[in-house]
PDB file of N, CA and C in Angstrom:
ATOM      1  N   MET A   1      -3.350  -0.276 -17.366  1.00  0.00           N
ATOM      2  CA  MET A   1      -2.217  -0.507 -16.614  1.00  0.00           C
ATOM      3  C   MET A   1      -1.270  -1.784 -17.151  1.00  0.00           C
ATOM      4  N   GLY A   2      -0.069  -1.280 -17.026  1.00  0.00           N
ATOM      5  CA  GLY A   2       0.947  -2.393 -17.609  1.00  0.00           C
ATOM      6  C   GLY A   2       1.214  -3.310 -16.636  1.00  0.00           C
ATOM      7  N   GLN A   3       1.649  -4.433 -16.873  1.00  0.00           N
ATOM      8  CA  GLN A   3       2.245  -5.306 -16.003  1.00  0.00           C
ATOM      9  C   GLN A   3       3.877  -5.664 -15.891  1.00  0.00           C
ATOM     10  N   SER A   4       4.033  -6.292 -14.827  1.00  0.00           N
ATOM     11  CA  SER A   4       5.629  -6.547 -14.806  1.00  0.00           C
ATOM     12  C   SER A   4       5.889  -7.906 -14.952  1.00  0.00           C
ATOM     13  N   PHE A   5       6.468  -8.114 -15.857  1.00  0.00           N
ATOM     14  CA  PHE A   5       7.268  -9.908 -16.225  1.00  0.00           C
ATOM     15  C   PHE A   5       8.606  -9.797 -15.875  1.00  0.00           C
ATOM     16  N   ASP A   6       9.267 -10.478 -15.542  1.00  0.00           N
ATOM     17  CA  ASP A   6      10.890 -10.962 -15.166  1.00  0.00           C
ATOM     18  C   ASP A   6      11.050 -12.458 -15.889  1.00  0.00           C
ATOM     19  N   ARG A   7      12.086 -12.402 -16.358  1.00  0.00           N
ATOM     20  CA  ARG A   7      12.775 -13.571 -17.653  1.00  0.00           C
ATOM     21  C   ARG A   7      13.028 -14.738 -16.621  1.00  0.00           C
ATOM     22  N   TRP A   8      11.807 -15.839 -17.278  1.00  0.00           N
ATOM     23  CA  TRP A   8      11.753 -17.172 -16.257  1.00  0.00           C
ATOM     24  C   TRP A   8      13.408 -17.570 -16.195  1.00  0.00           C
ATOM     25  N   VAL A   9      13.456 -18.123 -14.993  1.00  0.00           N
ATOM     26  CA  VAL A   9      14.776 -18.899 -14.564  1.00  0.00           C
ATOM     27  C   VAL A   9      14.253 -20.425 -14.063  1.00  0.00           C
ATOM     28  N   GLU A  10      15.124 -21.131 -14.397  1.00  0.00           N
ATOM     29  CA  GLU A  10      14.566 -22.676 -13.833  1.00  0.00           C
ATOM     30  C   GLU A  10      14.773 -22.710 -12.148  1.00  0.00           C
ATOM     31  N   CYS A  11      16.065 -22.076 -11.553  1.00  0.00           N
ATOM     32  CA  CYS A  11      15.819 -22.304 -10.088  1.00  0.00           C
ATOM     33  C   CYS A  11      16.001 -20.489  -9.815  1.00  0.00           C
ATOM     34  N   PRO A  12      14.666 -20.015  -9.360  1.00  0.00           N
ATOM     35  CA  PRO A  12      14.982 -18.932  -8.915  1.00  0.00           C
ATOM     36  C   PRO A  12      15.508 -18.547  -7.723  1.00  0.00           C
ATOM     37  N   PRO A  13      16.205 -17.257  -7.408  1.00  0.00           N
ATOM     38  CA  PRO A  13      16.925 -16.912  -6.055  1.00  0.00           C
ATOM     39  C   PRO A  13      15.941 -17.180  -5.071  1.00  0.00           C
ATOM     40  N   SER A  14      16.345 -17.186  -3.846  1.00  0.00           N
ATOM     41  CA  SER A  14      15.658 -17.190  -2.585  1.00  0.00           C
ATOM     42  C   SER A  14      14.865 -15.992  -2.359  1.00  0.00           C
ATOM     43  N   ASN A  15      15.234 -14.928  -2.619  1.00  0.00           N
ATOM     44  CA  ASN A  15      14.510 -13.328  -2.755  1.00  0.00           C
ATOM     45  C   ASN A  15      13.213 -13.051  -3.640  1.00  0.00           C
ATOM     46  N   PHE A  16      13.106 -14.263  -4.865  1.00  0.00           N
ATOM     47  CA  PHE A  16      12.399 -14.184  -5.754  1.00  0.00           C
ATOM     48  C   PHE A  16      11.112 -13.837  -5.359  1.00  0.00           C
ATOM     49  N   LEU A  17      10.598 -12.897  -5.981  1.00  0.00           N
ATOM     50  CA  LEU A  17       8.751 -12.194  -5.839  1.00  0.00           C
ATOM     51  C   LEU A  17       8.504 -12.011  -4.047  1.00  0.00           C
ATOM     52  N   GLN A  18       9.785 -11.509  -3.892  1.00  0.00           N
ATOM     53  CA  GLN A  18       9.586 -10.905  -2.180  1.00  0.00           C
ATOM     54  C   GLN A  18       9.126  -9.536  -2.509  1.00  0.00           C
ATOM     55  N   THR A  19       9.037  -8.551  -3.244  1.00  0.00           N
ATOM     56  CA  THR A  19       8.132  -7.491  -3.535  1.00  0.00           C
ATOM     57  C   THR A  19       7.707  -7.377  -4.979  1.00  0.00           C
ATOM     58  N   ALA A  20       6.357  -6.498  -4.918  1.00  0.00           N
ATOM     59  CA  ALA A  20       5.724  -6.169  -6.254  1.00  0.00           C
ATOM     60  C   ALA A  20       4.893  -5.220  -6.030  1.00  0.00           C
ATOM     61  N   PRO A  21       4.993  -4.440  -7.349  1.00  0.00           N
ATOM     62  CA  PRO A  21       4.071  -3.037  -7.401  1.00  0.00           C
ATOM     63  C   PRO A  21       2.743  -3.311  -7.610  1.00  0.00           C
ATOM     64  N   VAL A  22       2.440  -2.383  -6.370  1.00  0.00           N
ATOM     65  CA  VAL A  22       0.768  -2.355  -6.575  1.00  0.00           C
ATOM     66  C   VAL A  22       0.349  -0.906  -6.527  1.00  0.00           C
ATOM     67  N   TRP A  23      -0.962  -0.686  -7.026  1.00  0.00           N
ATOM     68  CA  TRP A  23      -1.343   0.648  -7.140  1.00  0.00           C
ATOM     69  C   TRP A  23      -2.484   0.683  -5.849  1.00  0.00           C
ATOM     70  N   LEU A  24      -2.415   1.696  -5.035  1.00  0.00           N
ATOM     71  CA  LEU A  24      -3.125   1.866  -4.016  1.00  0.00           C
ATOM     72  C   LEU A  24      -3.930   3.281  -4.623  1.00  0.00           C
ATOM     73  N   ARG A  25      -5.051   3.378  -3.205  1.00  0.00           N
ATOM     74  CA  ARG A  25      -5.892   4.422  -3.349  1.00  0.00           C
ATOM     75  C   ARG A  25      -6.173   5.026  -2.203  1.00  0.00           C
ATOM     76  N   ILE A  26      -5.423   6.119  -1.669  1.00  0.00           N
ATOM     77  CA  ILE A  26      -5.282   6.720  -0.491  1.00  0.00           C
ATOM     78  C   ILE A  26      -6.501   7.642  -0.261  1.00  0.00           C
ATOM     79  N   SER A  27      -7.354   7.442   0.607  1.00  0.00           N
ATOM     80  CA  SER A  27      -8.318   8.516   1.051  1.00  0.00           C
ATOM     81  C   SER A  27      -8.600   8.705   2.425  1.00  0.00           C
ATOM     82  N   ASN A  28      -9.465   9.885   2.659  1.00  0.00           N
ATOM     83  CA  ASN A  28      -9.773  10.097   4.011  1.00  0.00           C
ATOM     84  C   ASN A  28      -8.294  11.274   4.539  1.00  0.00           C
ATOM     85  N   ILE A  29      -8.000  11.803   3.435  1.00  0.00           N
ATOM     86  CA  ILE A  29      -6.419  12.776   4.094  1.00  0.00           C
ATOM     87  C   ILE A  29      -7.664  14.029   4.093  1.00  0.00           C
ATOM     88  N   PRO A  30      -7.338  14.829   5.759  1.00  0.00           N
ATOM     89  CA  PRO A  30      -8.044  16.121   6.087  1.00  0.00           C
ATOM     90  C   PRO A  30      -7.574  16.880   4.681  1.00  0.00           C
ATOM     91  N   VAL A  31      -8.429  17.776   4.401  1.00  0.00           N
ATOM     92  CA  VAL A  31      -8.206  18.816   3.297  1.00  0.00           C
ATOM     93  C   VAL A  31      -6.975  19.788   3.432  1.00  0.00           C
ATOM     94  N   ASN A  32      -7.000  20.394   4.625  1.00  0.00           N
ATOM     95  CA  ASN A  32      -6.171  21.182   5.045  1.00  0.00           C
ATOM     96  C   ASN A  32      -4.321  20.485   4.999  1.00  0.00           C
ATOM     97  N   TYR A  33      -4.482  18.926   4.852  1.00  0.00           N
ATOM     98  CA  TYR A  33      -3.016  18.335   4.787  1.00  0.00           C
ATOM     99  C   TYR A  33      -3.089  17.666   3.495  1.00  0.00           C
ATOM    100  N   PHE A  34      -4.101  17.674   2.460  1.00  0.00           N
ATOM    101  CA  PHE A  34      -4.198  16.991   1.350  1.00  0.00           C
ATOM    102  C   PHE A  34      -2.948  17.799   0.199  1.00  0.00           C
ATOM    103  N   THR A  35      -1.584  17.477   0.550  1.00  0.00           N
ATOM    104  CA  THR A  35      -0.227  17.966   0.022  1.00  0.00           C
ATOM    105  C   THR A  35       0.270  16.642  -0.639  1.00  0.00           C
ATOM    106  N   ILE A  36       1.496  17.078  -1.414  1.00  0.00           N
ATOM    107  CA  ILE A  36       2.199  16.205  -1.953  1.00  0.00           C
ATOM    108  C   ILE A  36       2.788  15.389  -0.333  1.00  0.00           C
ATOM    109  N   LYS A  37       3.282  16.196   0.447  1.00  0.00           N
ATOM    110  CA  LYS A  37       4.215  15.803   1.665  1.00  0.00           C
ATOM    111  C   LYS A  37       3.516  14.702   2.487  1.00  0.00           C
ATOM    112  N   THR A  38       2.101  15.110   2.164  1.00  0.00           N
ATOM    113  CA  THR A  38       1.182  13.989   3.083  1.00  0.00           C
ATOM    114  C   THR A  38       1.356  12.546   2.346  1.00  0.00           C
ATOM    115  N   ILE A  39       1.009  12.796   1.200  1.00  0.00           N
ATOM    116  CA  ILE A  39       0.895  11.757   0.080  1.00  0.00           C
ATOM    117  C   ILE A  39       1.889  10.737   0.268  1.00  0.00           C
ATOM    118  N   ASP A  40       2.720  11.766   0.299  1.00  0.00           N
ATOM    119  CA  ASP A  40       4.504  10.871   0.392  1.00  0.00           C
ATOM    120  C   ASP A  40       4.472  10.017   1.664  1.00  0.00           C
ATOM    121  N   ALA A  41       4.309  10.763   2.753  1.00  0.00           N
ATOM    122  CA  ALA A  41       4.534  10.253   3.835  1.00  0.00           C
ATOM    123  C   ALA A  41       3.574   8.707   4.201  1.00  0.00           C
ATOM    124  N   VAL A  42       2.120   8.819   3.859  1.00  0.00           N
ATOM    125  CA  VAL A  42       1.712   7.715   3.945  1.00  0.00           C
ATOM    126  C   VAL A  42       1.846   6.337   3.033  1.00  0.00           C
ATOM    127  N   ALA A  43       2.357   7.133   1.493  1.00  0.00           N
ATOM    128  CA  ALA A  43       2.873   5.811   0.792  1.00  0.00           C
ATOM    129  C   ALA A  43       4.415   5.463   1.106  1.00  0.00           C
ATOM    130  N   GLY A  44       5.010   6.523   1.794  1.00  0.00           N
ATOM    131  CA  GLY A  44       6.304   5.902   2.176  1.00  0.00           C
ATOM    132  C   GLY A  44       6.207   5.107   3.293  1.00  0.00           C
ATOM    133  N   ALA A  45       5.283   5.068   4.258  1.00  0.00           N
ATOM    134  CA  ALA A  45       5.140   4.310   5.307  1.00  0.00           C
ATOM    135  C   ALA A  45       4.406   2.638   4.899  1.00  0.00           C
ATOM    136  N   ILE A  46       3.917   2.456   3.860  1.00  0.00           N
ATOM    137  CA  ILE A  46       3.491   1.330   3.255  1.00  0.00           C
ATOM    138  C   ILE A  46       4.518   0.763   2.060  1.00  0.00           C
ATOM    139  N   GLY A  47       5.337   1.272   1.549  1.00  0.00           N
ATOM    140  CA  GLY A  47       6.412   0.769   0.779  1.00  0.00           C
ATOM    141  C   GLY A  47       6.979   1.956  -0.328  1.00  0.00           C
ATOM    142  N   TYR A  48       7.842   1.626  -0.992  1.00  0.00           N
ATOM    143  CA  TYR A  48       8.616   2.612  -1.646  1.00  0.00           C
ATOM    144  C   TYR A  48       7.877   2.979  -3.029  1.00  0.00           C
ATOM    145  N   TRP A  49       7.316   4.454  -2.725  1.00  0.00           N
ATOM    146  CA  TRP A  49       6.632   4.690  -4.002  1.00  0.00           C
ATOM    147  C   TRP A  49       7.125   4.948  -4.920  1.00  0.00           C
ATOM    148  N   LYS A  50       6.565   4.796  -6.454  1.00  0.00           N
ATOM    149  CA  LYS A  50       6.985   4.789  -7.675  1.00  0.00           C
ATOM    150  C   LYS A  50       6.449   5.757  -8.631  1.00  0.00           C
ATOM    151  N   GLU A  51       5.078   6.087  -8.205  1.00  0.00           N
ATOM    152  CA  GLU A  51       4.509   7.115  -9.242  1.00  0.00           C
ATOM    153  C   GLU A  51       3.222   7.879  -8.098  1.00  0.00           C
ATOM    154  N   ILE A  52       2.699   8.912  -8.268  1.00  0.00           N
ATOM    155  CA  ILE A  52       1.652   9.602  -7.495  1.00  0.00           C
ATOM    156  C   ILE A  52       1.065   9.900  -8.478  1.00  0.00           C
ATOM    157  N   GLU A  53      -0.023   9.650  -8.833  1.00  0.00           N
ATOM    158  CA  GLU A  53      -1.174   9.911 -10.091  1.00  0.00           C
ATOM    159  C   GLU A  53      -2.050  11.264  -9.219  1.00  0.00           C
ATOM    160  N   TRP A  54      -1.703  12.588  -9.016  1.00  0.00           N
ATOM    161  CA  TRP A  54      -2.277  13.351  -8.609  1.00  0.00           C
ATOM    162  C   TRP A  54      -1.479  14.702  -9.208  1.00  0.00           C
ATOM    163  N   ASP A  55      -2.230  15.833  -9.754  1.00  0.00           N
ATOM    164  CA  ASP A  55      -1.965  17.036 -10.118  1.00  0.00           C
ATOM    165  C   ASP A  55      -2.634  18.362  -9.028  1.00  0.00           C
ATOM    166  N   PRO A  56      -1.650  18.838  -8.292  1.00  0.00           N
ATOM    167  CA  PRO A  56      -2.093  19.667  -7.166  1.00  0.00           C
ATOM    168  C   PRO A  56      -2.985  20.928  -7.910  1.00  0.00           C
ATOM    169  N   GLU A  57      -2.451  21.119  -9.318  1.00  0.00           N
ATOM    170  CA  GLU A  57      -2.946  22.596  -9.976  1.00  0.00           C
ATOM    171  C   GLU A  57      -4.508  21.998 -10.680  1.00  0.00           C
ATOM    172  N   LYS A  58      -4.561  20.689 -10.717  1.00  0.00           N
ATOM    173  CA  LYS A  58      -6.104  20.260 -11.331  1.00  0.00           C
ATOM    174  C   LYS A  58      -7.238  19.769 -10.148  1.00  0.00           C
ATOM    175  N   PRO A  59      -8.569  20.067 -10.115  1.00  0.00           N
ATOM    176  CA  PRO A  59      -9.205  19.499  -9.203  1.00  0.00           C
ATOM    177  C   PRO A  59      -9.137  18.173  -9.255  1.00  0.00           C
ATOM    178  N   LEU A  60      -9.640  17.580  -7.726  1.00  0.00           N
ATOM    179  CA  LEU A  60      -9.697  15.982  -7.699  1.00  0.00           C
ATOM    180  C   LEU A  60     -11.117  15.555  -7.800  1.00  0.00           C
ATOM    181  N   LEU A  61     -11.005  14.706  -8.956  1.00  0.00           N
ATOM    182  CA  LEU A  61     -12.437  14.389  -9.295  1.00  0.00           C
ATOM    183  C   LEU A  61     -13.222  12.894  -8.316  1.00  0.00           C
ATOM    184  N   GLN A  62     -11.985  12.352  -8.036  1.00  0.00           N
ATOM    185  CA  GLN A  62     -12.451  11.307  -7.178  1.00  0.00           C
ATOM    186  C   GLN A  62     -11.925  11.834  -5.275  1.00  0.00           C
ATOM    187  N   ASN A  63     -12.158  10.697  -4.530  1.00  0.00           N
ATOM    188  CA  ASN A  63     -12.195  11.166  -3.243  1.00  0.00           C
ATOM    189  C   ASN A  63     -10.992  10.421  -2.723  1.00  0.00           C
ATOM    190  N   TYR A  64     -10.083  10.081  -3.653  1.00  0.00           N
ATOM    191  CA  TYR A  64      -8.754   9.601  -3.442  1.00  0.00           C
ATOM    192  C   TYR A  64      -7.660   9.833  -4.352  1.00  0.00           C
ATOM    193  N   VAL A  65      -6.370   9.542  -3.916  1.00  0.00           N
ATOM    194  CA  VAL A  65      -5.434   9.876  -4.619  1.00  0.00           C
ATOM    195  C   VAL A  65      -4.570   8.506  -5.037  1.00  0.00           C
ATOM    196  N   ARG A  66      -4.418   8.137  -6.373  1.00  0.00           N
ATOM    197  CA  ARG A  66      -3.748   6.769  -6.706  1.00  0.00           C
ATOM    198  C   ARG A  66      -2.288   6.689  -6.713  1.00  0.00           C
ATOM    199  N   VAL A  67      -1.855   6.062  -5.918  1.00  0.00           N
ATOM    200  CA  VAL A  67       0.011   5.756  -5.787  1.00  0.00           C
ATOM    201  C   VAL A  67       0.203   4.612  -5.899  1.00  0.00           C
ATOM    202  N   GLN A  68       1.592   4.244  -6.942  1.00  0.00           N
ATOM    203  CA  GLN A  68       2.229   2.715  -7.087  1.00  0.00           C
ATOM    204  C   GLN A  68       2.926   2.851  -6.198  1.00  0.00           C
ATOM    205  N   VAL A  69       3.058   1.868  -5.033  1.00  0.00           N
ATOM    206  CA  VAL A  69       4.421   1.274  -4.208  1.00  0.00           C
ATOM    207  C   VAL A  69       4.914   0.292  -4.638  1.00  0.00           C
ATOM    208  N   VAL A  70       6.022  -0.073  -4.212  1.00  0.00           N
ATOM    209  CA  VAL A  70       6.497  -1.464  -4.330  1.00  0.00           C
ATOM    210  C   VAL A  70       6.313  -1.999  -2.821  1.00  0.00           C
ATOM    211  N   LEU A  71       5.642  -3.086  -2.653  1.00  0.00           N
ATOM    212  CA  LEU A  71       5.207  -3.766  -1.575  1.00  0.00           C
ATOM    213  C   LEU A  71       6.172  -5.016  -1.072  1.00  0.00           C
ATOM    214  N   ASP A  72       6.843  -5.086   0.069  1.00  0.00           N
ATOM    215  CA  ASP A  72       7.480  -6.275   0.274  1.00  0.00           C
ATOM    216  C   ASP A  72       5.985  -7.172   0.971  1.00  0.00           C
ATOM    217  N   LEU A  73       6.036  -8.108   0.441  1.00  0.00           N
ATOM    218  CA  LEU A  73       5.283  -9.092   0.390  1.00  0.00           C
ATOM    219  C   LEU A  73       4.979 -10.276   1.527  1.00  0.00           C
ATOM    220  N   ASN A  74       6.476  -9.913   2.260  1.00  0.00           N
ATOM    221  CA  ASN A  74       6.552 -10.612   3.921  1.00  0.00           C
ATOM    222  C   ASN A  74       5.972  -9.753   4.733  1.00  0.00           C
ATOM    223  N   LEU A  75       5.802  -8.645   4.649  1.00  0.00           N
ATOM    224  CA  LEU A  75       4.950  -7.624   5.922  1.00  0.00           C
ATOM    225  C   LEU A  75       3.464  -7.825   5.543  1.00  0.00           C
ATOM    226  N   PRO A  76       2.848  -7.622   6.725  1.00  0.00           N
ATOM    227  CA  PRO A  76       1.209  -7.125   6.244  1.00  0.00           C
ATOM    228  C   PRO A  76       0.494  -6.011   5.838  1.00  0.00           C
ATOM    229  N   VAL A  77      -0.205  -6.194   4.964  1.00  0.00           N
ATOM    230  CA  VAL A  77      -0.752  -4.522   4.495  1.00  0.00           C
ATOM    231  C   VAL A  77      -1.903  -4.374   5.503  1.00  0.00           C
ATOM    232  N   ARG A  78      -2.089  -3.221   5.578  1.00  0.00           N
ATOM    233  CA  ARG A  78      -3.063  -2.755   6.395  1.00  0.00           C
ATOM    234  C   ARG A  78      -3.806  -1.737   5.524  1.00  0.00           C
ATOM    235  N   GLU A  79      -5.499  -1.558   5.858  1.00  0.00           N
ATOM    236  CA  GLU A  79      -6.157  -0.859   5.158  1.00  0.00           C
ATOM    237  C   GLU A  79      -6.268   0.571   5.731  1.00  0.00           C
ATOM    238  N   LYS A  80      -5.707   0.954   6.985  1.00  0.00           N
ATOM    239  CA  LYS A  80      -5.939   2.334   7.697  1.00  0.00           C
ATOM    240  C   LYS A  80      -4.450   2.371   8.182  1.00  0.00           C
ATOM    241  N   LYS A  81      -3.951   3.725   7.835  1.00  0.00           N
ATOM    242  CA  LYS A  81      -3.125   4.061   8.506  1.00  0.00           C
ATOM    243  C   LYS A  81      -3.126   5.217   9.277  1.00  0.00           C
ATOM    244  N   SER A  82      -2.490   5.622  10.587  1.00  0.00           N
ATOM    245  CA  SER A  82      -2.658   6.529  11.264  1.00  0.00           C
ATOM    246  C   SER A  82      -1.515   7.782  10.670  1.00  0.00           C
ATOM    247  N   LEU A  83      -1.605   9.206  10.763  1.00  0.00           N
ATOM    248  CA  LEU A  83      -0.914   9.949  10.035  1.00  0.00           C
ATOM    249  C   LEU A  83      -0.973  11.202  11.112  1.00  0.00           C
ATOM    250  N   THR A  84       0.026  11.417  11.854  1.00  0.00           N
ATOM    251  CA  THR A  84       0.156  12.480  13.076  1.00  0.00           C
ATOM    252  C   THR A  84       0.360  13.501  12.036  1.00  0.00           C
ATOM    253  N   LEU A  85      -0.483  14.665  12.446  1.00  0.00           N
ATOM    254  CA  LEU A  85      -0.748  15.787  11.650  1.00  0.00           C
ATOM    255  C   LEU A  85       0.366  16.792  12.533  1.00  0.00           C
ATOM    256  N   PRO A  86       0.658  17.795  11.500  1.00  0.00           N
ATOM    257  CA  PRO A  86       1.539  18.714  12.542  1.00  0.00           C
ATOM    258  C   PRO A  86       1.057  19.947  12.947  1.00  0.00           C
ATOM    259  N   LYS A  87       1.967  20.537  13.979  1.00  0.00           N
ATOM    260  CA  LYS A  87       1.312  21.991  14.627  1.00  0.00           C
ATOM    261  C   LYS A  87       0.220  21.384  15.306  1.00  0.00           C
ATOM    262  N   GLY A  88       0.067  20.504  16.223  1.00  0.00           N
ATOM    263  CA  GLY A  88      -0.991  20.114  17.170  1.00  0.00           C
ATOM    264  C   GLY A  88      -1.994  19.806  16.272  1.00  0.00           C
ATOM    265  N   GLY A  89      -2.357  19.341  15.240  1.00  0.00           N
ATOM    266  CA  GLY A  89      -3.281  18.926  14.861  1.00  0.00           C
ATOM    267  C   GLY A  89      -3.921  17.961  14.938  1.00  0.00           C
ATOM    268  N   GLY A  90      -3.055  16.697  15.891  1.00  0.00           N
ATOM    269  CA  GLY A  90      -3.808  15.413  16.559  1.00  0.00           C
ATOM    270  C   GLY A  90      -3.295  14.262  15.285  1.00  0.00           C
ATOM    271  N   THR A  91      -4.061  13.647  15.090  1.00  0.00           N
ATOM    272  CA  THR A  91      -4.019  12.593  14.234  1.00  0.00           C
ATOM    273  C   THR A  91      -4.973  12.065  13.544  1.00  0.00           C
ATOM    274  N   ALA A  92      -4.798  11.500  12.573  1.00  0.00           N
ATOM    275  CA  ALA A  92      -6.047  11.178  11.566  1.00  0.00           C
ATOM    276  C   ALA A  92      -5.867   9.550  10.621  1.00  0.00           C
ATOM    277  N   MET A  93      -6.640   8.903  10.794  1.00  0.00           N
ATOM    278  CA  MET A  93      -6.660   7.686  10.530  1.00  0.00           C
ATOM    279  C   MET A  93      -6.876   7.742   8.542  1.00  0.00           C
ATOM    280  N   ILE A  94      -5.947   7.007   7.663  1.00  0.00           N
ATOM    281  CA  ILE A  94      -6.104   7.525   6.545  1.00  0.00           C
ATOM    282  C   ILE A  94      -6.662   5.955   5.982  1.00  0.00           C
ATOM    283  N   ASP A  95      -7.360   5.981   4.816  1.00  0.00           N
ATOM    284  CA  ASP A  95      -7.713   4.765   4.096  1.00  0.00           C
ATOM    285  C   ASP A  95      -6.896   4.500   3.028  1.00  0.00           C
ATOM    286  N   VAL A  96      -6.680   3.229   3.076  1.00  0.00           N
ATOM    287  CA  VAL A  96      -5.515   2.820   1.850  1.00  0.00           C
ATOM    288  C   VAL A  96      -6.570   1.188   1.290  1.00  0.00           C
ATOM    289  N   GLU A  97      -6.863   1.525   0.122  1.00  0.00           N
ATOM    290  CA  GLU A  97      -7.179   0.214  -0.715  1.00  0.00           C
ATOM    291  C   GLU A  97      -6.161   0.105  -1.637  1.00  0.00           C
ATOM    292  N   TYR A  98      -6.251  -1.258  -1.946  1.00  0.00           N
ATOM    293  CA  TYR A  98      -5.267  -2.253  -2.536  1.00  0.00           C
ATOM    294  C   TYR A  98      -5.731  -2.556  -3.887  1.00  0.00           C
ATOM    295  N   GLU A  99      -5.180  -1.722  -4.864  1.00  0.00           N
ATOM    296  CA  GLU A  99      -6.354  -2.276  -6.307  1.00  0.00           C
ATOM    297  C   GLU A  99      -5.770  -3.637  -6.685  1.00  0.00           C
ATOM    298  N   ARG A 100      -6.856  -4.287  -7.154  1.00  0.00           N
ATOM    299  CA  ARG A 100      -6.598  -5.545  -7.948  1.00  0.00           C
ATOM    300  C   ARG A 100      -6.031  -6.690  -6.777  1.00  0.00           C
ATOM    301  N   ILE A 101      -6.141  -6.422  -5.659  1.00  0.00           N
ATOM    302  CA  ILE A 101      -5.568  -7.561  -4.408  1.00  0.00           C
ATOM    303  C   ILE A 101      -6.766  -8.140  -4.299  1.00  0.00           C
ATOM    304  N   ARG A 102      -7.001  -9.502  -4.551  1.00  0.00           N
ATOM    305  CA  ARG A 102      -8.061 -10.458  -4.127  1.00  0.00           C
ATOM    306  C   ARG A 102      -7.988 -11.086  -2.668  1.00  0.00           C
ATOM    307  N   LYS A 103      -6.903 -11.828  -2.963  1.00  0.00           N
ATOM    308  CA  LYS A 103      -6.618 -12.462  -1.870  1.00  0.00           C
ATOM    309  C   LYS A 103      -5.426 -12.223  -0.699  1.00  0.00           C
ATOM    310  N   LYS A 104      -5.988 -12.510   0.649  1.00  0.00           N
ATOM    311  CA  LYS A 104      -4.995 -11.983   1.492  1.00  0.00           C
ATOM    312  C   LYS A 104      -5.134 -12.833   2.777  1.00  0.00           C
ATOM    313  N   CYS A 105      -4.289 -13.008   3.836  1.00  0.00           N
ATOM    314  CA  CYS A 105      -5.097 -13.762   4.719  1.00  0.00           C
ATOM    315  C   CYS A 105      -5.763 -12.498   6.136  1.00  0.00           C
ATOM    316  N   PHE A 106      -6.660 -13.047   6.624  1.00  0.00           N
ATOM    317  CA  PHE A 106      -7.445 -11.850   7.499  1.00  0.00           C
ATOM    318  C   PHE A 106      -6.656 -12.138   8.570  1.00  0.00           C
ATOM    319  N   TYR A 107      -5.899 -13.051   8.746  1.00  0.00           N
ATOM    320  CA  TYR A 107      -5.433 -13.137  10.411  1.00  0.00           C
ATOM    321  C   TYR A 107      -4.079 -12.298  10.437  1.00  0.00           C
ATOM    322  N   CYS A 108      -3.211 -12.726   9.562  1.00  0.00           N
ATOM    323  CA  CYS A 108      -1.778 -11.891   9.943  1.00  0.00           C
ATOM    324  C   CYS A 108      -1.881 -11.204   8.369  1.00  0.00           C
ATOM    325  N   PHE A 109      -2.760 -10.887   7.637  1.00  0.00           N
ATOM    326  CA  PHE A 109      -2.825  -9.649   6.918  1.00  0.00           C
ATOM    327  C   PHE A 109      -1.806  -9.451   5.920  1.00  0.00           C
ATOM    328  N   ARG A 110      -1.105 -10.557   5.576  1.00  0.00           N
ATOM    329  CA  ARG A 110      -0.129 -10.802   4.411  1.00  0.00           C
ATOM    330  C   ARG A 110      -0.634 -11.426   3.096  1.00  0.00           C
ATOM    331  N   LEU A 111       0.047 -10.985   1.923  1.00  0.00           N
ATOM    332  CA  LEU A 111      -0.852 -11.374   0.950  1.00  0.00           C
ATOM    333  C   LEU A 111      -0.210 -12.931   0.050  1.00  0.00           C
ATOM    334  N   SER A 112       0.818 -13.387   1.031  1.00  0.00           N
ATOM    335  CA  SER A 112       1.746 -14.582   0.317  1.00  0.00           C
ATOM    336  C   SER A 112       0.471 -16.241   0.805  1.00  0.00           C
ATOM    337  N   HIS A 113      -0.335 -15.684   1.307  1.00  0.00           N
ATOM    338  CA  HIS A 113      -1.337 -17.488   1.935  1.00  0.00           C
ATOM    339  C   HIS A 113      -2.774 -16.485   2.272  1.00  0.00           C
ATOM    340  N   GLU A 114      -3.678 -17.732   2.153  1.00  0.00           N
ATOM    341  CA  GLU A 114      -4.936 -17.140   2.756  1.00  0.00           C
ATOM    342  C   GLU A 114      -4.992 -17.809   4.192  1.00  0.00           C
ATOM    343  N   LYS A 115      -6.558 -17.400   5.038  1.00  0.00           N
ATOM    344  CA  LYS A 115      -6.346 -17.504   6.537  1.00  0.00           C
ATOM    345  C   LYS A 115      -6.077 -19.117   6.690  1.00  0.00           C
ATOM    346  N   GLN A 116      -6.577 -20.149   6.139  1.00  0.00           N
ATOM    347  CA  GLN A 116      -6.363 -21.230   5.928  1.00  0.00           C
ATOM    348  C   GLN A 116      -5.487 -21.762   6.097  1.00  0.00           C
ATOM    349  N   ALA A 117      -4.353 -21.301   5.617  1.00  0.00           N
ATOM    350  CA  ALA A 117      -2.944 -21.483   5.062  1.00  0.00           C
ATOM    351  C   ALA A 117      -1.897 -20.951   6.075  1.00  0.00           C
ATOM    352  N   CYS A 118      -2.719 -19.996   7.115  1.00  0.00           N
ATOM    353  CA  CYS A 118      -1.555 -19.052   7.788  1.00  0.00           C
ATOM    354  C   CYS A 118      -0.762 -19.863   8.610  1.00  0.00           C
ATOM    355  N   PRO A 119       0.672 -19.821   8.731  1.00  0.00           N
ATOM    356  CA  PRO A 119       1.538 -20.246   9.580  1.00  0.00           C
ATOM    357  C   PRO A 119       1.606 -19.424  11.001  1.00  0.00           C
ATOM    358  N   VAL A 120       1.028 -18.418  11.132  1.00  0.00           N
ATOM    359  CA  VAL A 120       0.945 -17.661  12.399  1.00  0.00           C
ATOM    360  C   VAL A 120      -0.279 -18.322  13.155  1.00  0.00           C
ATOM    361  N   LEU A 121      -1.215 -18.614  12.365  1.00  0.00           N
ATOM    362  CA  LEU A 121      -2.181 -19.162  13.165  1.00  0.00           C
ATOM    363  C   LEU A 121      -2.279 -20.623  13.481  1.00  0.00           C
ATOM    364  N   LYS A 122      -1.356 -21.301  12.796  1.00  0.00           N
ATOM    365  CA  LYS A 122      -1.414 -22.782  13.211  1.00  0.00           C
ATOM    366  C   LYS A 122      -0.161 -22.836  14.176  1.00  0.00           C
ATOM    367  N   GLY A 123       0.604 -21.787  14.413  1.00  0.00           N
ATOM    368  CA  GLY A 123       1.276 -21.454  15.267  1.00  0.00           C
ATOM    369  C   GLY A 123       1.094 -21.303  16.984  1.00  0.00           C
ATOM    370  N   THR A 124      -0.136 -20.646  16.659  1.00  0.00           N
ATOM    371  CA  THR A 124      -0.899 -20.382  18.296  1.00  0.00           C
ATOM    372  C   THR A 124      -1.887 -21.772  18.789  1.00  0.00           C
TER     373      THR A 124
END
């Protein structure tokens, strides 16, 4: 796993650290819809995806697919995504696990703070 570093600047711009590349584990995709198109739709709903670690020609050894996305850190992160299935297939709840994310606010689901410092909670 590589790390991403930016050059240090004394006065960073106001939009500094607004996004970050994060690896996701996407699971619980219905077998009939386990395609690049579906993975693209789920990952695209979370952020701009950079890389998908899945080869449809090889057997899937885990119950998830890894995708690297660029997250907007001002938006809430969700651990489930609703996926509308084509041709009257209904909807499916897709599980999303964020790798190496240890802290987040369990009130507003943002990564910028923890619950005790939540500005949304303090405003209510």
